[in-house]
C-alpha atoms as a PDB file:
ATOM      1  CA  MET A   1     -11.314  12.520 -31.835  1.00  0.00           C
ATOM      2  CA  PHE A   2     -12.344   9.471 -29.755  1.00  0.00           C
ATOM      3  CA  ARG A   3     -15.739   9.136 -31.459  1.00  0.00           C
ATOM      4  CA  SER A   4     -15.715   5.434 -31.290  1.00  0.00           C
ATOM      5  CA  LEU A   5     -15.963   5.394 -27.559  1.00  0.00           C
ATOM      6  CA  THR A   6     -19.183   4.680 -25.783  1.00  0.00           C
ATOM      7  CA  ILE A   7     -20.011   3.970 -22.172  1.00  0.00           C
ATOM      8  CA  LYS A   8     -20.231   0.322 -22.832  1.00  0.00           C
ATOM      9  CA  ASN A   9     -16.873  -0.163 -24.659  1.00  0.00           C
ATOM     10  CA  LEU A  10     -14.846   2.424 -22.332  1.00  0.00           C
ATOM     11  CA  ALA A  11     -13.525  -0.367 -20.164  1.00  0.00           C
ATOM     12  CA  LYS A  12     -12.645  -2.510 -23.324  1.00  0.00           C
ATOM     13  CA  ASN A  13     -10.662   0.191 -24.759  1.00  0.00           C
ATOM     14  CA  GLN A  14      -8.633   1.508 -21.862  1.00  0.00           C
ATOM     15  CA  ILE A  15      -4.952   0.968 -22.164  1.00  0.00           C
ATOM     16  CA  GLY A  16      -4.437   1.835 -18.477  1.00  0.00           C
ATOM     17  CA  LEU A  17      -6.492   2.387 -15.239  1.00  0.00           C
ATOM     18  CA  MET A  18      -5.413   5.604 -13.530  1.00  0.00           C
ATOM     19  CA  ARG A  19      -7.778   5.611 -10.536  1.00  0.00           C
ATOM     20  CA  GLN A  20     -10.395   3.147  -9.150  1.00  0.00           C
ATOM     21  CA  PRO A  21     -13.825   4.570  -8.526  1.00  0.00           C
ATOM     22  CA  THR A  22     -15.064   5.123  -5.007  1.00  0.00           C
ATOM     23  CA  ASN A  23     -18.595   6.006  -3.802  1.00  0.00           C
ATOM     24  CA  THR A  24     -18.474   9.559  -4.855  1.00  0.00           C
ATOM     25  CA  ARG A  25     -15.466   9.773  -7.364  1.00  0.00           C
ATOM     26  CA  PRO A  26     -15.351   8.385 -10.985  1.00  0.00           C
ATOM     27  CA  VAL A  27     -13.255   5.891 -12.357  1.00  0.00           C
ATOM     28  CA  VAL A  28     -10.207   7.291 -14.332  1.00  0.00           C
ATOM     29  CA  ARG A  29      -9.084   5.616 -17.610  1.00  0.00           C
ATOM     30  CA  LEU A  30      -6.336   6.142 -19.973  1.00  0.00           C
ATOM     31  CA  VAL A  31      -7.307   5.500 -23.567  1.00  0.00           C
ATOM     32  CA  GLU A  32      -5.618   5.899 -27.102  1.00  0.00           C
ATOM     33  CA  GLU A  33      -6.822   6.620 -30.421  1.00  0.00           C
ATOM     34  CA  ASN A  34      -4.748   7.170 -33.631  1.00  0.00           C
ATOM     35  CA  GLY A  35      -1.657   7.661 -31.306  1.00  0.00           C
ATOM     36  CA  VAL A  36      -3.349  10.174 -29.275  1.00  0.00           C
ATOM     37  CA  GLN A  37      -3.642   9.511 -25.482  1.00  0.00           C
ATOM     38  CA  GLY A  38      -6.628  10.645 -23.650  1.00  0.00           C
ATOM     39  CA  VAL A  39      -8.066  10.656 -19.989  1.00  0.00           C
ATOM     40  CA  VAL A  40     -11.644   9.389 -19.330  1.00  0.00           C
ATOM     41  CA  LYS A  41     -13.466  10.267 -16.017  1.00  0.00           C
ATOM     42  CA  GLU A  42     -16.456   8.073 -16.069  1.00  0.00           C
ATOM     43  CA  PHE A  43     -19.347   7.907 -13.559  1.00  0.00           C
ATOM     44  CA  SER A  44     -21.227   4.860 -15.042  1.00  0.00           C
ATOM     45  CA  GLY A  45     -19.712   2.798 -12.343  1.00  0.00           C
ATOM     46  CA  ASN A  46     -21.193   4.644  -9.412  1.00  0.00           C
ATOM     47  CA  GLY A  47     -24.517   4.030  -7.930  1.00  0.00           C
ATOM     48  CA  PHE A  48     -27.787   4.615  -9.934  1.00  0.00           C
ATOM     49  CA  VAL A  49     -29.052   7.493  -8.340  1.00  0.00           C
ATOM     50  CA  TYR A  50     -25.623   9.164  -7.780  1.00  0.00           C
ATOM     51  CA  ARG A  51     -24.446   8.798 -11.277  1.00  0.00           C
ATOM     52  CA  ASN A  52     -27.600  10.023 -12.906  1.00  0.00           C
ATOM     53  CA  THR A  53     -27.941  13.298 -10.866  1.00  0.00           C
ATOM     54  CA  ILE A  54     -24.595  14.226  -9.138  1.00  0.00           C
ATOM     55  CA  GLY A  55     -22.470  12.396 -11.841  1.00  0.00           C
ATOM     56  CA  ARG A  56     -24.278  13.893 -14.759  1.00  0.00           C
ATOM     57  CA  PHE A  57     -24.176  17.282 -13.181  1.00  0.00           C
ATOM     58  CA  LEU A  58     -20.262  17.249 -12.664  1.00  0.00           C
ATOM     59  CA  VAL A  59     -19.670  16.011 -16.124  1.00  0.00           C
ATOM     60  CA  TRP A  60     -21.764  18.890 -17.270  1.00  0.00           C
ATOM     61  CA  ARG A  61     -20.103  21.515 -15.075  1.00  0.00           C
ATOM     62  CA  GLU A  62     -16.588  20.370 -15.899  1.00  0.00           C
ATOM     63  CA  GLY A  63     -17.133  20.325 -19.593  1.00  0.00           C
ATOM     64  CA  GLN A  64     -18.482  24.050 -19.375  1.00  0.00           C
ATOM     65  CA  ALA A  65     -15.371  24.967 -17.517  1.00  0.00           C
ATOM     66  CA  TYR A  66     -13.124  23.378 -20.316  1.00  0.00           C
ATOM     67  CA  GLN A  67     -15.070  24.973 -23.015  1.00  0.00           C
ATOM     68  CA  ARG A  68     -14.678  28.444 -21.465  1.00  0.00           C
ATOM     69  CA  LEU A  69     -10.879  27.652 -20.934  1.00  0.00           C
ATOM     70  CA  LYS A  70     -10.533  26.486 -24.438  1.00  0.00           C
ATOM     71  CA  GLY A  71      -7.023  27.573 -25.787  1.00  0.00           C
ATOM     72  CA  VAL A  72      -5.374  28.286 -22.579  1.00  0.00           C
ATOM     73  CA  LYS A  73      -1.851  26.725 -22.310  1.00  0.00           C
ATOM     74  CA  GLY A  74      -1.841  24.485 -19.209  1.00  0.00           C
ATOM     75  CA  ILE A  75      -5.439  23.236 -19.236  1.00  0.00           C
ATOM     76  CA  PRO A  76      -6.325  19.926 -20.595  1.00  0.00           C
ATOM     77  CA  VAL A  77      -8.302  20.117 -23.898  1.00  0.00           C
ATOM     78  CA  LEU A  78     -11.896  18.479 -23.902  1.00  0.00           C
ATOM     79  CA  PHE A  79     -12.230  15.846 -26.667  1.00  0.00           C
ATOM     80  CA  ARG A  80     -15.691  15.141 -26.046  1.00  0.00           C
ATOM     81  CA  LYS A  81     -18.540  13.927 -23.374  1.00  0.00           C
ATOM     82  CA  VAL A  82     -19.627  10.462 -23.684  1.00  0.00           C
ATOM     83  CA  ASP A  83     -23.491   9.920 -23.009  1.00  0.00           C
ATOM     84  CA  GLY A  84     -23.551  12.671 -20.214  1.00  0.00           C
ATOM     85  CA  LEU A  85     -21.798  10.232 -17.881  1.00  0.00           C
ATOM     86  CA  ALA A  86     -17.885  10.752 -19.114  1.00  0.00           C
ATOM     87  CA  LEU A  87     -15.589  13.245 -20.141  1.00  0.00           C
ATOM     88  CA  VAL A  88     -12.685  12.453 -22.517  1.00  0.00           C
ATOM     89  CA  ILE A  89      -9.712  15.169 -22.201  1.00  0.00           C
ATOM     90  CA  SER A  90      -6.264  15.244 -23.218  1.00  0.00           C
ATOM     91  CA  LYS A  91      -3.529  13.574 -21.258  1.00  0.00           C
ATOM     92  CA  VAL A  92      -1.231  16.071 -19.395  1.00  0.00           C
ATOM     93  CA  PRO A  93       2.357  15.232 -19.465  1.00  0.00           C
ATOM     94  CA  GLY A  94       4.456  15.263 -16.341  1.00  0.00           C
ATOM     95  CA  LYS A  95       3.492  14.567 -12.632  1.00  0.00           C
ATOM     96  CA  ASN A  96       1.120  16.005 -10.279  1.00  0.00           C
ATOM     97  CA  LEU A  97       2.723  17.719  -7.138  1.00  0.00           C
ATOM     98  CA  GLU A  98       1.427  15.087  -4.865  1.00  0.00           C
ATOM     99  CA  HIS A  99       3.418  12.466  -6.442  1.00  0.00           C
ATOM    100  CA  LEU A 100       6.685  14.145  -6.527  1.00  0.00           C
ATOM    101  CA  SER A 101       9.761  12.568  -5.048  1.00  0.00           C
ATOM    102  CA  GLY A 102      11.895  14.553  -2.333  1.00  0.00           C
ATOM    103  CA  GLU A 103      14.440  15.552  -4.942  1.00  0.00           C
ATOM    104  CA  GLU A 104      11.781  16.817  -7.414  1.00  0.00           C
ATOM    105  CA  ARG A 105      11.012  20.369  -5.853  1.00  0.00           C
ATOM    106  CA  PRO A 106       9.517  23.053  -8.203  1.00  0.00           C
ATOM    107  CA  ASP A 107      11.436  26.293  -8.140  1.00  0.00           C
ATOM    108  CA  LEU A 108       9.997  29.810  -7.579  1.00  0.00           C
ATOM    109  CA  ASP A 109       9.762  30.098 -11.526  1.00  0.00           C
ATOM    110  CA  PHE A 110       7.313  27.405 -11.687  1.00  0.00           C
ATOM    111  CA  PHE A 111       4.984  28.987  -8.998  1.00  0.00           C
ATOM    112  CA  GLN A 112       5.329  32.398 -10.885  1.00  0.00           C
ATOM    113  CA  LYS A 113       3.998  30.569 -13.823  1.00  0.00           C
ATOM    114  CA  LEU A 114       1.143  28.882 -11.954  1.00  0.00           C
ATOM    115  CA  ALA A 115      -0.043  32.245 -10.680  1.00  0.00           C
ATOM    116  CA  ARG A 116      -0.142  33.667 -14.003  1.00  0.00           C
ATOM    117  CA  LEU A 117      -2.158  30.667 -15.401  1.00  0.00           C
ATOM    118  CA  ILE A 118      -4.396  30.976 -12.669  1.00  0.00           C
ATOM    119  CA  GLN A 119      -4.904  34.677 -13.266  1.00  0.00           C
ATOM    120  CA  GLU A 120      -5.534  33.842 -17.047  1.00  0.00           C
ATOM    121  CA  CYS A 121      -8.420  31.462 -16.004  1.00  0.00           C
ATOM    122  CA  HIS A 122      -9.828  34.087 -13.859  1.00  0.00           C
ATOM    123  CA  GLU A 123      -9.701  36.456 -16.734  1.00  0.00           C
ATOM    124  CA  ARG A 124     -11.804  33.860 -18.543  1.00  0.00           C
ATOM    125  CA  GLY A 125     -14.237  34.126 -15.706  1.00  0.00           C
ATOM    126  CA  VAL A 126     -13.724  30.715 -14.152  1.00  0.00           C
ATOM    127  CA  ALA A 127     -12.203  29.850 -10.511  1.00  0.00           C
ATOM    128  CA  HIS A 128     -10.958  26.432  -9.871  1.00  0.00           C
ATOM    129  CA  CYS A 129     -12.105  26.353  -6.047  1.00  0.00           C
ATOM    130  CA  ASP A 130      -9.884  23.305  -5.353  1.00  0.00           C
ATOM    131  CA  LEU A 131      -6.245  24.243  -6.083  1.00  0.00           C
ATOM    132  CA  LYS A 132      -5.104  23.669  -2.449  1.00  0.00           C
ATOM    133  CA  ARG A 133      -5.082  19.975  -3.248  1.00  0.00           C
ATOM    134  CA  SER A 134      -1.682  19.455  -4.662  1.00  0.00           C
ATOM    135  CA  ALA A 135      -2.965  16.667  -7.051  1.00  0.00           C
ATOM    136  CA  ASN A 136      -4.670  18.989  -9.070  1.00  0.00           C
ATOM    137  CA  THR A 137      -1.529  20.939 -10.028  1.00  0.00           C
ATOM    138  CA  MET A 138       0.980  19.168 -12.392  1.00  0.00           C
ATOM    139  CA  ILE A 139       4.488  20.031 -13.719  1.00  0.00           C
ATOM    140  CA  ASP A 140       6.164  18.695 -16.909  1.00  0.00           C
ATOM    141  CA  GLU A 141       9.715  18.001 -17.652  1.00  0.00           C
ATOM    142  CA  PHE A 142      10.045  21.528 -18.760  1.00  0.00           C
ATOM    143  CA  GLY A 143       8.952  23.031 -15.301  1.00  0.00           C
ATOM    144  CA  ARG A 144       5.625  24.255 -17.052  1.00  0.00           C
ATOM    145  CA  PRO A 145       2.497  24.099 -14.816  1.00  0.00           C
ATOM    146  CA  TYR A 146      -0.851  22.462 -15.745  1.00  0.00           C
ATOM    147  CA  ILE A 147      -4.252  22.646 -13.905  1.00  0.00           C
ATOM    148  CA  VAL A 148      -6.422  19.387 -13.728  1.00  0.00           C
ATOM    149  CA  ASP A 149      -9.778  18.452 -12.363  1.00  0.00           C
ATOM    150  CA  TRP A 150     -12.248  21.290 -13.018  1.00  0.00           C
ATOM    151  CA  SER A 151     -15.291  19.615 -11.545  1.00  0.00           C
ATOM    152  CA  ALA A 152     -15.576  21.880  -8.752  1.00  0.00           C
ATOM    153  CA  ALA A 153     -15.144  25.045 -10.883  1.00  0.00           C
ATOM    154  CA  ILE A 154     -17.565  28.104 -10.909  1.00  0.00           C
ATOM    155  CA  THR A 155     -17.824  30.960 -13.192  1.00  0.00           C
ATOM    156  CA  ASP A 156     -18.435  34.660 -12.898  1.00  0.00           C
ATOM    157  CA  ARG A 157     -21.754  34.227 -14.863  1.00  0.00           C
ATOM    158  CA  GLU A 158     -23.160  31.895 -12.080  1.00  0.00           C
ATOM    159  CA  PHE A 159     -22.129  34.524  -9.455  1.00  0.00           C
ATOM    160  CA  CYS A 160     -22.978  37.770 -11.182  1.00  0.00           C
ATOM    161  CA  VAL A 161     -25.507  39.059  -8.694  1.00  0.00           C
ATOM    162  CA  TYR A 162     -24.670  40.588  -5.273  1.00  0.00           C
ATOM    163  CA  PRO A 163     -23.857  38.941  -2.654  1.00  0.00           C
ATOM    164  CA  LEU A 164     -22.678  36.089  -5.133  1.00  0.00           C
ATOM    165  CA  THR A 165     -20.300  38.436  -6.839  1.00  0.00           C
ATOM    166  CA  ALA A 166     -18.634  38.670  -3.318  1.00  0.00           C
ATOM    167  CA  THR A 167     -18.495  34.839  -3.058  1.00  0.00           C
ATOM    168  CA  TYR A 168     -16.933  34.509  -6.384  1.00  0.00           C
ATOM    169  CA  LYS A 169     -14.285  36.960  -5.378  1.00  0.00           C
ATOM    170  CA  MET A 170     -13.496  34.767  -2.388  1.00  0.00           C
ATOM    171  CA  PHE A 171     -12.936  31.705  -4.483  1.00  0.00           C
ATOM    172  CA  VAL A 172     -10.739  33.615  -6.960  1.00  0.00           C
ATOM    173  CA  GLU A 173      -8.573  34.666  -3.994  1.00  0.00           C
ATOM    174  CA  ASP A 174      -8.568  31.224  -2.530  1.00  0.00           C
ATOM    175  CA  ASP A 175      -7.226  30.003  -5.816  1.00  0.00           C
ATOM    176  CA  LEU A 176      -4.372  32.478  -5.426  1.00  0.00           C
ATOM    177  CA  LYS A 177      -3.740  31.424  -1.852  1.00  0.00           C
ATOM    178  CA  ALA A 178      -3.349  27.853  -3.135  1.00  0.00           C
ATOM    179  CA  VAL A 179      -0.056  29.068  -4.822  1.00  0.00           C
ATOM    180  CA  THR A 180       1.070  30.372  -1.396  1.00  0.00           C
ATOM    181  CA  LYS A 181       0.267  27.121   0.348  1.00  0.00           C
ATOM    182  CA  LEU A 182       2.205  25.043  -2.216  1.00  0.00           C
ATOM    183  CA  LYS A 183       5.086  27.393  -2.020  1.00  0.00           C
ATOM    184  CA  LEU A 184       5.182  26.856   1.720  1.00  0.00           C
ATOM    185  CA  HIS A 185       5.603  23.104   1.136  1.00  0.00           C
ATOM    186  CA  PHE A 186       8.094  23.178  -1.832  1.00  0.00           C
ATOM    187  CA  CYS A 187       9.985  26.240  -1.363  1.00  0.00           C
ATOM    188  CA  PRO A 188       9.210  28.265   1.833  1.00  0.00           C
ATOM    189  CA  GLU A 189      12.161  30.430   1.613  1.00  0.00           C
ATOM    190  CA  SER A 190      10.654  32.221  -1.423  1.00  0.00           C
ATOM    191  CA  ILE A 191       7.394  33.259   0.637  1.00  0.00           C
ATOM    192  CA  THR A 192       7.202  36.964   1.231  1.00  0.00           C
ATOM    193  CA  ASP A 193       5.980  38.839   4.387  1.00  0.00           C
ATOM    194  CA  GLU A 194       3.038  39.817   2.157  1.00  0.00           C
ATOM    195  CA  GLU A 195       2.071  36.502   1.059  1.00  0.00           C
ATOM    196  CA  ARG A 196       2.060  35.073   4.506  1.00  0.00           C
ATOM    197  CA  ARG A 197      -0.198  37.789   5.725  1.00  0.00           C
ATOM    198  CA  LYS A 198      -2.734  37.387   2.992  1.00  0.00           C
ATOM    199  CA  TYR A 199      -2.442  33.621   3.348  1.00  0.00           C
ATOM    200  CA  ALA A 200      -3.306  33.710   7.193  1.00  0.00           C
ATOM    201  CA  GLN A 201      -6.319  35.891   6.581  1.00  0.00           C
ATOM    202  CA  MET A 202      -9.608  34.023   6.503  1.00  0.00           C
ATOM    203  CA  GLY A 203     -12.804  36.133   6.991  1.00  0.00           C
ATOM    204  CA  ARG A 204     -16.161  34.741   8.400  1.00  0.00           C
ATOM    205  CA  GLY A 205     -17.656  34.557   4.977  1.00  0.00           C
ATOM    206  CA  GLU A 206     -14.710  32.254   3.824  1.00  0.00           C
ATOM    207  CA  CYS A 207     -15.022  30.171   6.911  1.00  0.00           C
ATOM    208  CA  ALA A 208     -18.914  29.798   6.326  1.00  0.00           C
ATOM    209  CA  ILE A 209     -18.347  28.792   2.588  1.00  0.00           C
ATOM    210  CA  ARG A 210     -15.872  26.190   3.475  1.00  0.00           C
ATOM    211  CA  ALA A 211     -18.292  24.865   6.301  1.00  0.00           C
ATOM    212  CA  ILE A 212     -21.130  24.618   3.555  1.00  0.00           C
ATOM    213  CA  ARG A 213     -18.849  22.758   1.035  1.00  0.00           C
ATOM    214  CA  ASP A 214     -17.546  20.341   3.783  1.00  0.00           C
ATOM    215  CA  PHE A 215     -21.143  19.746   4.713  1.00  0.00           C
ATOM    216  CA  ALA A 216     -22.140  19.309   1.040  1.00  0.00           C
ATOM    217  CA  ARG A 217     -19.405  16.459   0.530  1.00  0.00           C
ATOM    218  CA  LYS A 218     -20.700  14.515   3.524  1.00  0.00           C
ATOM    219  CA  CYS A 219     -24.240  14.528   1.974  1.00  0.00           C
ATOM    220  CA  LEU A 220     -22.924  13.480  -1.237  1.00  0.00           C
ATOM    221  CA  GLN A 221     -21.056  10.595   0.320  1.00  0.00           C
ATOM    222  CA  LYS A 222     -24.368   9.435   1.921  1.00  0.00           C
ATOM    223  CA  ILE A 223     -26.310   9.590  -1.399  1.00  0.00           C
ATOM    224  CA  ALA A 224     -23.632   7.397  -2.977  1.00  0.00           C
END
């Protein structure tokens, strides 16, 4: 699928532009082949050093995450990589939670399904690590959840030695806390006291990890 695409002809073959690139973010295009639509995340338009270091690394990492999650309903399908600088994945139906109107409010059933989907990903050994951004969670017309943008994902294999195992566990817990954060925004009446207590807890280790993550993002912006 999409075997005819190359870095040079991606712009020519797009049927829509979903997101303009920034210094540190790839351009996102909508493409179509034989009636099948795909989404392309492409780093070729970023700065030379950034695209050939960070860009290639992120394409490789996200591709690894999709391969481990292959077959999980609610996760986009990876069609292929393009020259190490782009990913072509299936187009997810529906809207991301960030773009929902005031009348479109996911119900408790949606968040229960989302929690089960996250747990299934964890059973495959993959933590998303950026689910508190509502743009990374989508809902289709039937109320089913989808999780997109796995560029920040980590795996249990990479964090299999102590104390990295504890770090991986923190990110797994953070994925689940993201469900509580979204529920607080869309249906706060469904939050239990136990969920509020767990969401409020943030150990020193988690604070340190977030500080390192924020510092790394600032460094990447300078590199770009």
